[in-house]
Amino acid sequence: MKVLLLGGSGTIGKGIYRLLSPKHELILAGRNGPDVKVDYADPQSVRDMFEKVGKFDALVAAVGNDALFKRYEDLTDDDYEYGFRRKFMAQINLVRIGMEYANDSASFTLTTGFRSDYPHPAGAAVGPFNAALDSFVLTVGPTLPRGIRLNVVSPATVVPEGEDGLGLVTPDQTAEGYAQSIEGTMNGKVIRMWGGLEKQPYD
């Protein structure tokens, strides 16, 4: 498959590359390339990327880890706007624009994180956007045409190899979630790579 990987130079992205590159044609896109340069939060830059890449079988967005971690009392409107634009809207636009270039039965795999369910004192501009993007995938994935699938991988805290534990996952472990989305048949699913943590119940 022709797989477009955004964020391949990051910690998770490198794990995805190690796992998928022996089996698929990977095209690495990011601010510095190396194959295609893109600012994933700029819709025109995203469209330019797709024009260069052409048709594809899978898109993986290992992005959004630049969200702001600040105490709730210290957050400003600009901080929330930054999180909304880069964590939430940027990934939605990858799907909206990318649909024009996706082959039949292609897949999109986005990235959120476990702060949707596990609060953190500095996570008020992160967790809500994770939850919103999870909901986007759950509600939009089953409606997409042409057999196109949409899933999201939600990792816990990513740590170096050998340091995994409860709520801690390695890049290679996390990459398995992306492989499940790309190579499987699931659609509209949140793939939780949470290192043994359970989904939080809601009353």
N, C-alpha and C. Protein backbone atom coordinates (compact mmCIF):
# COMPACT_ATOMS: atom_id res chain seq x y z
N MET A 1 0.83 -1.20 0.00
CA MET A 1 0.00 0.00 0.00
C MET A 1 0.86 1.25 0.00
N LYS A 2 0.34 2.29 -0.60
CA LYS A 2 0.97 3.61 -0.57
C LYS A 2 0.45 4.35 0.65
N VAL A 3 1.35 4.55 1.64
CA VAL A 3 0.97 5.10 2.94
C VAL A 3 1.62 6.47 3.11
N LEU A 4 0.82 7.48 3.34
CA LEU A 4 1.30 8.83 3.61
C LEU A 4 1.37 9.01 5.12
N LEU A 5 2.58 9.22 5.63
CA LEU A 5 2.81 9.32 7.07
C LEU A 5 3.21 10.74 7.44
N LEU A 6 2.36 11.42 8.18
CA LEU A 6 2.69 12.74 8.72
C LEU A 6 3.23 12.56 10.13
N GLY A 7 4.33 13.22 10.43
CA GLY A 7 4.92 13.10 11.76
C GLY A 7 5.87 11.93 11.88
N GLY A 8 6.43 11.49 10.76
CA GLY A 8 7.30 10.33 10.79
C GLY A 8 8.61 10.54 11.51
N SER A 9 8.99 11.80 11.77
CA SER A 9 10.24 12.07 12.48
C SER A 9 10.06 12.12 13.99
N GLY A 10 8.81 12.03 14.45
CA GLY A 10 8.54 12.07 15.89
C GLY A 10 8.72 10.71 16.54
N THR A 11 8.57 10.67 17.84
CA THR A 11 8.78 9.43 18.60
C THR A 11 7.84 8.33 18.13
N ILE A 12 6.54 8.62 18.05
CA ILE A 12 5.58 7.62 17.59
C ILE A 12 5.79 7.34 16.11
N GLY A 13 6.02 8.39 15.32
CA GLY A 13 6.19 8.23 13.89
C GLY A 13 7.33 7.30 13.53
N LYS A 14 8.43 7.39 14.27
CA LYS A 14 9.55 6.50 14.01
C LYS A 14 9.17 5.04 14.27
N GLY A 15 8.36 4.81 15.30
CA GLY A 15 7.90 3.46 15.56
C GLY A 15 7.00 2.95 14.44
N ILE A 16 6.14 3.83 13.94
CA ILE A 16 5.28 3.45 12.82
C ILE A 16 6.11 3.12 11.60
N TYR A 17 7.11 3.94 11.33
CA TYR A 17 7.97 3.70 10.16
C TYR A 17 8.69 2.36 10.27
N ARG A 18 9.23 2.05 11.45
CA ARG A 18 9.92 0.78 11.63
C ARG A 18 9.00 -0.40 11.34
N LEU A 19 7.76 -0.28 11.77
CA LEU A 19 6.82 -1.40 11.63
C LEU A 19 6.29 -1.53 10.21
N LEU A 20 5.99 -0.42 9.56
CA LEU A 20 5.29 -0.47 8.29
C LEU A 20 6.19 -0.46 7.06
N SER A 21 7.38 0.14 7.17
CA SER A 21 8.21 0.32 5.98
C SER A 21 8.63 -0.98 5.30
N PRO A 22 8.81 -2.09 6.03
CA PRO A 22 9.17 -3.32 5.31
C PRO A 22 8.03 -3.87 4.45
N LYS A 23 6.79 -3.42 4.73
CA LYS A 23 5.64 -4.01 4.05
C LYS A 23 4.94 -3.07 3.09
N HIS A 24 5.16 -1.77 3.22
CA HIS A 24 4.40 -0.79 2.46
C HIS A 24 5.32 0.30 1.92
N GLU A 25 4.83 1.02 0.92
CA GLU A 25 5.52 2.20 0.41
C GLU A 25 5.15 3.39 1.28
N LEU A 26 6.08 3.90 2.05
CA LEU A 26 5.81 5.01 2.94
C LEU A 26 6.34 6.32 2.36
N ILE A 27 5.51 7.34 2.42
CA ILE A 27 5.88 8.69 2.03
C ILE A 27 5.82 9.54 3.29
N LEU A 28 6.96 10.15 3.66
CA LEU A 28 7.06 10.90 4.92
C LEU A 28 6.82 12.38 4.65
N ALA A 29 5.84 12.93 5.34
CA ALA A 29 5.49 14.34 5.19
C ALA A 29 5.61 15.04 6.53
N GLY A 30 6.16 16.25 6.50
CA GLY A 30 6.30 17.03 7.73
C GLY A 30 6.85 18.40 7.39
N ARG A 31 7.04 19.19 8.42
CA ARG A 31 7.55 20.55 8.21
C ARG A 31 8.89 20.53 7.47
N ASN A 32 9.71 19.51 7.76
CA ASN A 32 11.00 19.39 7.09
C ASN A 32 11.05 18.22 6.11
N GLY A 33 9.90 17.73 5.70
CA GLY A 33 9.86 16.61 4.76
C GLY A 33 9.96 15.27 5.50
N PRO A 34 10.80 14.34 5.07
CA PRO A 34 11.82 14.51 4.04
C PRO A 34 11.31 14.34 2.60
N ASP A 35 10.16 13.64 2.45
CA ASP A 35 9.67 13.40 1.09
C ASP A 35 8.79 14.56 0.60
N VAL A 36 7.92 15.04 1.48
CA VAL A 36 7.03 16.14 1.14
C VAL A 36 6.97 17.09 2.33
N LYS A 37 7.14 18.38 2.08
CA LYS A 37 7.04 19.36 3.16
C LYS A 37 5.59 19.82 3.30
N VAL A 38 5.14 19.94 4.56
CA VAL A 38 3.77 20.37 4.81
C VAL A 38 3.66 20.97 6.20
N ASP A 39 2.84 22.00 6.31
CA ASP A 39 2.38 22.50 7.61
C ASP A 39 0.98 21.94 7.77
N TYR A 40 0.84 20.90 8.59
CA TYR A 40 -0.42 20.16 8.64
C TYR A 40 -1.57 21.00 9.18
N ALA A 41 -1.29 22.13 9.82
CA ALA A 41 -2.34 23.00 10.33
C ALA A 41 -2.78 24.06 9.34
N ASP A 42 -2.16 24.10 8.16
CA ASP A 42 -2.48 25.07 7.12
C ASP A 42 -3.19 24.33 5.98
N PRO A 43 -4.50 24.58 5.79
CA PRO A 43 -5.24 23.83 4.77
C PRO A 43 -4.65 23.92 3.37
N GLN A 44 -4.12 25.08 2.98
CA GLN A 44 -3.54 25.19 1.65
C GLN A 44 -2.27 24.35 1.53
N SER A 45 -1.46 24.35 2.59
CA SER A 45 -0.27 23.51 2.59
C SER A 45 -0.64 22.04 2.51
N VAL A 46 -1.72 21.66 3.19
CA VAL A 46 -2.20 20.27 3.15
C VAL A 46 -2.65 19.91 1.73
N ARG A 47 -3.39 20.80 1.09
CA ARG A 47 -3.84 20.53 -0.27
C ARG A 47 -2.64 20.41 -1.22
N ASP A 48 -1.64 21.28 -1.04
CA ASP A 48 -0.44 21.21 -1.87
C ASP A 48 0.27 19.86 -1.69
N MET A 49 0.28 19.38 -0.44
CA MET A 49 0.89 18.07 -0.17
C MET A 49 0.17 16.97 -0.94
N PHE A 50 -1.15 16.98 -0.88
CA PHE A 50 -1.91 15.94 -1.58
C PHE A 50 -1.71 16.03 -3.10
N GLU A 51 -1.59 17.24 -3.61
CA GLU A 51 -1.35 17.39 -5.04
C GLU A 51 -0.02 16.76 -5.45
N LYS A 52 0.97 16.88 -4.58
CA LYS A 52 2.28 16.29 -4.88
C LYS A 52 2.27 14.78 -4.72
N VAL A 53 1.57 14.29 -3.71
CA VAL A 53 1.56 12.85 -3.43
C VAL A 53 0.67 12.10 -4.40
N GLY A 54 -0.48 12.70 -4.73
CA GLY A 54 -1.44 12.02 -5.59
C GLY A 54 -2.27 11.02 -4.81
N LYS A 55 -2.79 10.03 -5.50
CA LYS A 55 -3.66 9.04 -4.87
C LYS A 55 -2.88 8.22 -3.84
N PHE A 56 -3.57 7.83 -2.78
CA PHE A 56 -2.92 7.06 -1.72
C PHE A 56 -3.90 6.04 -1.16
N ASP A 57 -3.34 5.05 -0.45
CA ASP A 57 -4.14 3.97 0.14
C ASP A 57 -4.37 4.15 1.63
N ALA A 58 -3.47 4.88 2.29
CA ALA A 58 -3.62 5.09 3.72
C ALA A 58 -2.92 6.38 4.12
N LEU A 59 -3.54 7.12 5.02
CA LEU A 59 -2.93 8.30 5.62
C LEU A 59 -2.85 8.08 7.12
N VAL A 60 -1.68 8.34 7.67
CA VAL A 60 -1.47 8.26 9.12
C VAL A 60 -1.03 9.63 9.61
N ALA A 61 -1.76 10.17 10.56
CA ALA A 61 -1.42 11.47 11.15
C ALA A 61 -0.89 11.25 12.56
N ALA A 62 0.43 11.10 12.67
CA ALA A 62 1.07 10.97 13.99
C ALA A 62 1.48 12.38 14.43
N VAL A 63 0.48 13.24 14.60
CA VAL A 63 0.72 14.65 14.86
C VAL A 63 -0.11 15.10 16.07
N GLY A 64 0.04 16.37 16.42
CA GLY A 64 -0.77 16.94 17.48
C GLY A 64 -0.14 16.93 18.85
N ASN A 65 1.14 16.51 18.91
CA ASN A 65 1.80 16.44 20.22
C ASN A 65 2.39 17.78 20.65
N ASP A 66 2.08 18.84 19.88
CA ASP A 66 2.56 20.17 20.25
C ASP A 66 1.49 20.96 20.99
N ALA A 67 0.46 20.28 21.49
CA ALA A 67 -0.58 20.95 22.27
C ALA A 67 0.02 21.55 23.54
N LEU A 68 -0.67 22.55 24.05
CA LEU A 68 -0.16 23.28 25.21
C LEU A 68 -0.56 22.62 26.52
N PHE A 69 0.40 22.37 27.37
CA PHE A 69 0.15 21.88 28.72
C PHE A 69 0.38 23.04 29.69
N LYS A 70 -0.71 23.63 30.17
CA LYS A 70 -0.65 24.72 31.14
C LYS A 70 -1.78 24.54 32.14
N ARG A 71 -1.57 25.04 33.32
CA ARG A 71 -2.62 24.94 34.33
C ARG A 71 -3.87 25.67 33.84
N TYR A 72 -5.02 25.11 34.22
CA TYR A 72 -6.30 25.65 33.77
C TYR A 72 -6.43 27.16 34.03
N GLU A 73 -5.98 27.60 35.23
CA GLU A 73 -6.11 29.01 35.58
C GLU A 73 -5.27 29.91 34.69
N ASP A 74 -4.26 29.36 34.06
CA ASP A 74 -3.34 30.16 33.27
C ASP A 74 -3.66 30.16 31.78
N LEU A 75 -4.63 29.36 31.36
CA LEU A 75 -4.94 29.25 29.94
C LEU A 75 -5.68 30.49 29.44
N THR A 76 -5.35 30.91 28.23
CA THR A 76 -5.99 32.06 27.60
C THR A 76 -6.83 31.59 26.41
N ASP A 77 -7.60 32.51 25.85
CA ASP A 77 -8.35 32.19 24.64
C ASP A 77 -7.42 31.73 23.53
N ASP A 78 -6.27 32.38 23.42
CA ASP A 78 -5.31 32.00 22.39
C ASP A 78 -4.79 30.58 22.58
N ASP A 79 -4.62 30.18 23.85
CA ASP A 79 -4.15 28.82 24.12
C ASP A 79 -5.18 27.78 23.65
N TYR A 80 -6.45 28.05 23.95
CA TYR A 80 -7.50 27.12 23.51
C TYR A 80 -7.60 27.11 21.98
N GLU A 81 -7.48 28.27 21.37
CA GLU A 81 -7.53 28.36 19.92
C GLU A 81 -6.39 27.57 19.29
N TYR A 82 -5.21 27.65 19.91
CA TYR A 82 -4.05 26.91 19.42
C TYR A 82 -4.33 25.41 19.47
N GLY A 83 -4.85 24.93 20.59
CA GLY A 83 -5.17 23.51 20.71
C GLY A 83 -6.25 23.08 19.74
N PHE A 84 -7.28 23.90 19.59
CA PHE A 84 -8.36 23.58 18.66
C PHE A 84 -7.83 23.47 17.24
N ARG A 85 -6.98 24.41 16.85
CA ARG A 85 -6.50 24.48 15.48
C ARG A 85 -5.54 23.33 15.17
N ARG A 86 -4.62 23.03 16.08
CA ARG A 86 -3.57 22.06 15.77
C ARG A 86 -3.93 20.63 16.17
N LYS A 87 -4.63 20.46 17.26
CA LYS A 87 -4.98 19.11 17.70
C LYS A 87 -6.24 18.60 17.01
N PHE A 88 -7.22 19.48 16.86
CA PHE A 88 -8.55 19.05 16.40
C PHE A 88 -8.77 19.37 14.92
N MET A 89 -8.84 20.65 14.58
CA MET A 89 -9.24 21.03 13.23
C MET A 89 -8.23 20.59 12.17
N ALA A 90 -6.95 20.62 12.51
CA ALA A 90 -5.94 20.22 11.52
C ALA A 90 -6.13 18.77 11.09
N GLN A 91 -6.44 17.90 12.03
CA GLN A 91 -6.61 16.48 11.67
C GLN A 91 -7.92 16.26 10.92
N ILE A 92 -8.96 17.00 11.29
CA ILE A 92 -10.20 16.91 10.53
C ILE A 92 -9.97 17.32 9.08
N ASN A 93 -9.20 18.39 8.88
CA ASN A 93 -8.94 18.85 7.52
C ASN A 93 -8.13 17.85 6.71
N LEU A 94 -7.27 17.08 7.37
CA LEU A 94 -6.56 16.02 6.65
C LEU A 94 -7.53 15.04 6.02
N VAL A 95 -8.62 14.77 6.74
CA VAL A 95 -9.64 13.87 6.21
C VAL A 95 -10.49 14.57 5.16
N ARG A 96 -10.96 15.77 5.48
CA ARG A 96 -11.85 16.49 4.56
C ARG A 96 -11.19 16.72 3.20
N ILE A 97 -9.96 17.21 3.23
CA ILE A 97 -9.24 17.48 1.98
C ILE A 97 -8.74 16.18 1.35
N GLY A 98 -8.27 15.28 2.21
CA GLY A 98 -7.69 14.03 1.71
C GLY A 98 -8.67 13.11 1.02
N MET A 99 -9.96 13.26 1.34
CA MET A 99 -10.97 12.41 0.69
C MET A 99 -10.91 12.53 -0.82
N GLU A 100 -10.54 13.69 -1.34
CA GLU A 100 -10.49 13.90 -2.78
C GLU A 100 -9.38 13.08 -3.43
N TYR A 101 -8.40 12.69 -2.65
CA TYR A 101 -7.20 12.03 -3.19
C TYR A 101 -7.11 10.57 -2.76
N ALA A 102 -7.98 10.15 -1.88
CA ALA A 102 -7.92 8.79 -1.34
C ALA A 102 -8.49 7.79 -2.34
N ASN A 103 -7.80 6.68 -2.50
CA ASN A 103 -8.32 5.60 -3.31
C ASN A 103 -9.54 4.98 -2.65
N ASP A 104 -10.33 4.26 -3.42
CA ASP A 104 -11.41 3.47 -2.83
C ASP A 104 -10.82 2.53 -1.79
N SER A 105 -11.55 2.37 -0.68
CA SER A 105 -11.13 1.49 0.43
C SER A 105 -9.87 1.98 1.14
N ALA A 106 -9.51 3.24 0.94
CA ALA A 106 -8.37 3.80 1.68
C ALA A 106 -8.73 3.97 3.15
N SER A 107 -7.72 4.27 3.95
CA SER A 107 -7.96 4.49 5.38
C SER A 107 -7.26 5.76 5.84
N PHE A 108 -7.88 6.38 6.83
CA PHE A 108 -7.29 7.50 7.56
C PHE A 108 -7.13 7.07 9.02
N THR A 109 -5.95 7.32 9.58
CA THR A 109 -5.72 7.03 11.00
C THR A 109 -5.18 8.28 11.67
N LEU A 110 -5.94 8.81 12.61
CA LEU A 110 -5.59 10.03 13.32
C LEU A 110 -4.99 9.69 14.68
N THR A 111 -4.63 10.71 15.45
CA THR A 111 -4.00 10.50 16.75
C THR A 111 -4.62 11.42 17.80
N THR A 112 -4.99 10.82 18.94
CA THR A 112 -5.44 11.62 20.09
C THR A 112 -4.58 11.25 21.30
N GLY A 113 -5.19 10.82 22.39
CA GLY A 113 -4.43 10.46 23.57
C GLY A 113 -5.33 10.21 24.75
N PHE A 114 -4.78 9.57 25.77
CA PHE A 114 -5.58 9.11 26.90
C PHE A 114 -6.04 10.23 27.83
N ARG A 115 -5.57 11.47 27.59
CA ARG A 115 -6.04 12.59 28.42
C ARG A 115 -7.49 12.93 28.15
N SER A 116 -8.09 12.28 27.15
CA SER A 116 -9.53 12.40 26.95
C SER A 116 -10.28 11.82 28.14
N ASP A 117 -9.68 10.84 28.81
CA ASP A 117 -10.33 10.14 29.92
C ASP A 117 -9.60 10.29 31.25
N TYR A 118 -8.33 10.59 31.21
CA TYR A 118 -7.52 10.68 32.43
C TYR A 118 -7.05 12.13 32.62
N PRO A 119 -7.71 12.85 33.53
CA PRO A 119 -7.39 14.28 33.71
C PRO A 119 -5.96 14.50 34.18
N HIS A 120 -5.47 15.69 33.86
CA HIS A 120 -4.15 16.13 34.27
C HIS A 120 -4.26 17.60 34.63
N PRO A 121 -3.58 18.06 35.68
CA PRO A 121 -3.70 19.47 36.07
C PRO A 121 -3.37 20.46 34.97
N ALA A 122 -2.56 20.03 34.00
CA ALA A 122 -2.17 20.93 32.91
C ALA A 122 -2.77 20.49 31.57
N GLY A 123 -3.84 19.70 31.63
CA GLY A 123 -4.36 19.11 30.40
C GLY A 123 -5.68 19.67 29.90
N ALA A 124 -6.10 20.82 30.42
CA ALA A 124 -7.42 21.35 30.05
C ALA A 124 -7.52 21.81 28.61
N ALA A 125 -6.38 22.08 27.96
CA ALA A 125 -6.40 22.45 26.55
C ALA A 125 -5.94 21.30 25.67
N VAL A 126 -5.92 20.09 26.25
CA VAL A 126 -5.51 18.90 25.50
C VAL A 126 -6.63 17.85 25.52
N GLY A 127 -7.03 17.43 26.71
CA GLY A 127 -8.02 16.37 26.86
C GLY A 127 -9.32 16.62 26.11
N PRO A 128 -9.91 17.83 26.21
CA PRO A 128 -11.17 18.06 25.51
C PRO A 128 -11.06 17.90 24.00
N PHE A 129 -9.92 18.28 23.42
CA PHE A 129 -9.77 18.14 21.97
C PHE A 129 -9.51 16.69 21.59
N ASN A 130 -8.84 15.93 22.45
CA ASN A 130 -8.72 14.48 22.22
C ASN A 130 -10.11 13.86 22.16
N ALA A 131 -10.96 14.19 23.15
CA ALA A 131 -12.30 13.61 23.21
C ALA A 131 -13.13 14.02 22.00
N ALA A 132 -12.99 15.27 21.57
CA ALA A 132 -13.75 15.75 20.41
C ALA A 132 -13.33 15.01 19.14
N LEU A 133 -12.03 14.78 18.99
CA LEU A 133 -11.55 14.08 17.80
C LEU A 133 -11.95 12.60 17.84
N ASP A 134 -11.93 12.00 19.02
CA ASP A 134 -12.45 10.63 19.15
C ASP A 134 -13.90 10.57 18.68
N SER A 135 -14.70 11.55 19.11
CA SER A 135 -16.12 11.58 18.73
C SER A 135 -16.28 11.79 17.23
N PHE A 136 -15.44 12.62 16.65
CA PHE A 136 -15.48 12.82 15.20
C PHE A 136 -15.30 11.50 14.47
N VAL A 137 -14.32 10.72 14.90
CA VAL A 137 -14.05 9.43 14.25
C VAL A 137 -15.23 8.47 14.45
N LEU A 138 -15.76 8.41 15.65
CA LEU A 138 -16.86 7.49 15.94
C LEU A 138 -18.11 7.81 15.12
N THR A 139 -18.36 9.09 14.89
CA THR A 139 -19.60 9.49 14.21
C THR A 139 -19.44 9.64 12.70
N VAL A 140 -18.25 9.95 12.24
CA VAL A 140 -18.05 10.19 10.81
C VAL A 140 -17.56 8.93 10.08
N GLY A 141 -16.72 8.15 10.73
CA GLY A 141 -16.15 6.97 10.08
C GLY A 141 -17.17 6.09 9.38
N PRO A 142 -18.26 5.70 10.06
CA PRO A 142 -19.23 4.80 9.43
C PRO A 142 -20.00 5.42 8.28
N THR A 143 -19.90 6.74 8.08
CA THR A 143 -20.67 7.41 7.03
C THR A 143 -19.87 7.66 5.76
N LEU A 144 -18.57 7.38 5.78
CA LEU A 144 -17.74 7.74 4.63
C LEU A 144 -18.04 6.84 3.43
N PRO A 145 -17.95 7.41 2.21
CA PRO A 145 -18.28 6.65 1.00
C PRO A 145 -17.10 5.82 0.51
N ARG A 146 -17.34 5.04 -0.52
CA ARG A 146 -16.34 4.31 -1.29
C ARG A 146 -15.52 3.32 -0.45
N GLY A 147 -16.09 2.88 0.65
CA GLY A 147 -15.37 1.93 1.50
C GLY A 147 -14.21 2.52 2.26
N ILE A 148 -14.14 3.86 2.32
CA ILE A 148 -13.05 4.52 3.04
C ILE A 148 -13.27 4.40 4.54
N ARG A 149 -12.20 4.12 5.26
CA ARG A 149 -12.29 3.90 6.71
C ARG A 149 -11.57 5.02 7.46
N LEU A 150 -12.05 5.27 8.68
CA LEU A 150 -11.48 6.32 9.54
C LEU A 150 -11.40 5.80 10.97
N ASN A 151 -10.19 5.80 11.52
CA ASN A 151 -9.97 5.39 12.90
C ASN A 151 -9.01 6.38 13.57
N VAL A 152 -8.87 6.23 14.87
CA VAL A 152 -7.94 7.07 15.62
C VAL A 152 -7.22 6.21 16.65
N VAL A 153 -5.92 6.44 16.78
CA VAL A 153 -5.13 5.77 17.82
C VAL A 153 -4.97 6.73 18.99
N SER A 154 -5.27 6.23 20.17
CA SER A 154 -5.19 7.03 21.39
C SER A 154 -4.13 6.43 22.31
N PRO A 155 -2.90 6.96 22.29
CA PRO A 155 -1.85 6.39 23.14
C PRO A 155 -1.89 6.95 24.56
N ALA A 156 -1.36 6.18 25.48
CA ALA A 156 -1.03 6.70 26.81
C ALA A 156 0.33 7.39 26.69
N THR A 157 0.98 7.65 27.81
CA THR A 157 2.30 8.29 27.80
C THR A 157 3.30 7.36 27.11
N VAL A 158 4.01 7.90 26.13
CA VAL A 158 4.96 7.10 25.36
C VAL A 158 6.35 7.23 25.98
N VAL A 159 6.96 6.08 26.25
CA VAL A 159 8.24 6.02 26.95
C VAL A 159 9.23 5.20 26.13
N PRO A 160 10.53 5.28 26.43
CA PRO A 160 11.52 4.49 25.69
C PRO A 160 11.29 2.99 25.84
N GLU A 161 11.82 2.25 24.89
CA GLU A 161 11.70 0.79 24.93
C GLU A 161 12.23 0.25 26.27
N GLY A 162 11.48 -0.69 26.82
CA GLY A 162 11.88 -1.32 28.07
C GLY A 162 11.36 -0.62 29.31
N GLU A 163 10.70 0.53 29.15
CA GLU A 163 10.19 1.27 30.31
C GLU A 163 8.67 1.26 30.38
N ASP A 164 8.02 0.41 29.60
CA ASP A 164 6.57 0.36 29.58
C ASP A 164 6.03 -0.23 30.87
N GLY A 165 4.78 0.10 31.14
CA GLY A 165 4.11 -0.38 32.35
C GLY A 165 2.68 0.13 32.32
N LEU A 166 2.03 0.15 33.46
CA LEU A 166 0.64 0.61 33.53
C LEU A 166 0.58 2.08 33.12
N GLY A 167 -0.16 2.35 32.05
CA GLY A 167 -0.28 3.71 31.56
C GLY A 167 0.94 4.22 30.82
N LEU A 168 1.85 3.31 30.47
CA LEU A 168 3.08 3.68 29.78
C LEU A 168 3.28 2.72 28.60
N VAL A 169 3.45 3.26 27.40
CA VAL A 169 3.62 2.43 26.21
C VAL A 169 4.84 2.89 25.43
N THR A 170 5.46 1.98 24.72
CA THR A 170 6.63 2.30 23.91
C THR A 170 6.19 2.70 22.50
N PRO A 171 7.07 3.33 21.73
CA PRO A 171 6.72 3.66 20.35
C PRO A 171 6.35 2.43 19.51
N ASP A 172 7.07 1.33 19.71
CA ASP A 172 6.77 0.14 18.92
C ASP A 172 5.42 -0.47 19.31
N GLN A 173 5.09 -0.43 20.60
CA GLN A 173 3.78 -0.90 21.02
C GLN A 173 2.68 -0.02 20.43
N THR A 174 2.90 1.28 20.48
CA THR A 174 1.91 2.22 19.95
C THR A 174 1.71 2.02 18.46
N ALA A 175 2.80 1.75 17.75
CA ALA A 175 2.73 1.55 16.30
C ALA A 175 1.81 0.40 15.91
N GLU A 176 1.68 -0.58 16.79
CA GLU A 176 0.80 -1.71 16.49
C GLU A 176 -0.64 -1.25 16.30
N GLY A 177 -1.04 -0.22 17.04
CA GLY A 177 -2.40 0.30 16.88
C GLY A 177 -2.63 0.87 15.49
N TYR A 178 -1.63 1.57 14.98
CA TYR A 178 -1.75 2.13 13.63
C TYR A 178 -1.79 1.01 12.59
N ALA A 179 -1.00 -0.02 12.79
CA ALA A 179 -1.01 -1.15 11.87
C ALA A 179 -2.38 -1.83 11.86
N GLN A 180 -3.01 -1.95 13.02
CA GLN A 180 -4.35 -2.54 13.09
C GLN A 180 -5.33 -1.73 12.26
N SER A 181 -5.22 -0.42 12.34
CA SER A 181 -6.14 0.45 11.59
C SER A 181 -5.90 0.34 10.09
N ILE A 182 -4.63 0.37 9.68
CA ILE A 182 -4.29 0.38 8.25
C ILE A 182 -4.55 -0.97 7.60
N GLU A 183 -4.12 -2.03 8.26
CA GLU A 183 -4.12 -3.35 7.64
C GLU A 183 -5.39 -4.15 7.95
N GLY A 184 -6.19 -3.68 8.89
CA GLY A 184 -7.40 -4.39 9.25
C GLY A 184 -8.62 -3.87 8.51
N THR A 185 -9.80 -4.15 9.08
CA THR A 185 -11.06 -3.74 8.46
C THR A 185 -11.88 -2.82 9.35
N MET A 186 -11.38 -2.48 10.51
CA MET A 186 -12.15 -1.68 11.45
C MET A 186 -12.41 -0.28 10.89
N ASN A 187 -13.50 0.31 11.35
CA ASN A 187 -13.89 1.64 10.89
C ASN A 187 -14.64 2.35 12.01
N GLY A 188 -14.34 3.63 12.18
CA GLY A 188 -15.02 4.41 13.21
C GLY A 188 -14.64 3.98 14.62
N LYS A 189 -13.40 3.56 14.81
CA LYS A 189 -12.97 3.02 16.10
C LYS A 189 -11.89 3.88 16.75
N VAL A 190 -11.91 3.93 18.07
CA VAL A 190 -10.83 4.51 18.87
C VAL A 190 -9.97 3.35 19.34
N ILE A 191 -8.73 3.30 18.88
CA ILE A 191 -7.81 2.21 19.23
C ILE A 191 -6.99 2.68 20.41
N ARG A 192 -7.31 2.19 21.59
CA ARG A 192 -6.70 2.68 22.83
C ARG A 192 -5.45 1.87 23.17
N MET A 193 -4.31 2.51 23.07
CA MET A 193 -3.04 1.91 23.45
C MET A 193 -2.66 2.52 24.79
N TRP A 194 -3.28 2.04 25.84
CA TRP A 194 -3.23 2.70 27.14
C TRP A 194 -2.39 1.94 28.17
N GLY A 195 -1.65 0.97 27.74
CA GLY A 195 -0.77 0.27 28.68
C GLY A 195 -1.50 -0.35 29.86
N GLY A 196 -2.65 -0.92 29.58
CA GLY A 196 -3.42 -1.62 30.63
C GLY A 196 -4.43 -0.77 31.36
N LEU A 197 -4.45 0.53 31.14
CA LEU A 197 -5.47 1.37 31.76
C LEU A 197 -6.83 1.09 31.14
N GLU A 198 -7.86 1.21 31.94
CA GLU A 198 -9.21 0.95 31.48
C GLU A 198 -9.89 2.23 31.00
N LYS A 199 -10.87 2.07 30.11
CA LYS A 199 -11.70 3.21 29.72
C LYS A 199 -12.47 3.70 30.94
N GLN A 200 -12.45 5.01 31.17
CA GLN A 200 -13.12 5.57 32.33
C GLN A 200 -14.64 5.52 32.12
N PRO A 201 -15.38 5.03 33.14
CA PRO A 201 -16.85 5.02 33.01
C PRO A 201 -17.40 6.43 33.23
N TYR A 202 -18.49 6.73 32.54
CA TYR A 202 -19.15 8.02 32.72
C TYR A 202 -20.54 7.78 33.29
N ASP A 203 -20.89 8.56 34.28
CA ASP A 203 -22.23 8.42 34.90
C ASP A 203 -23.27 9.09 34.02
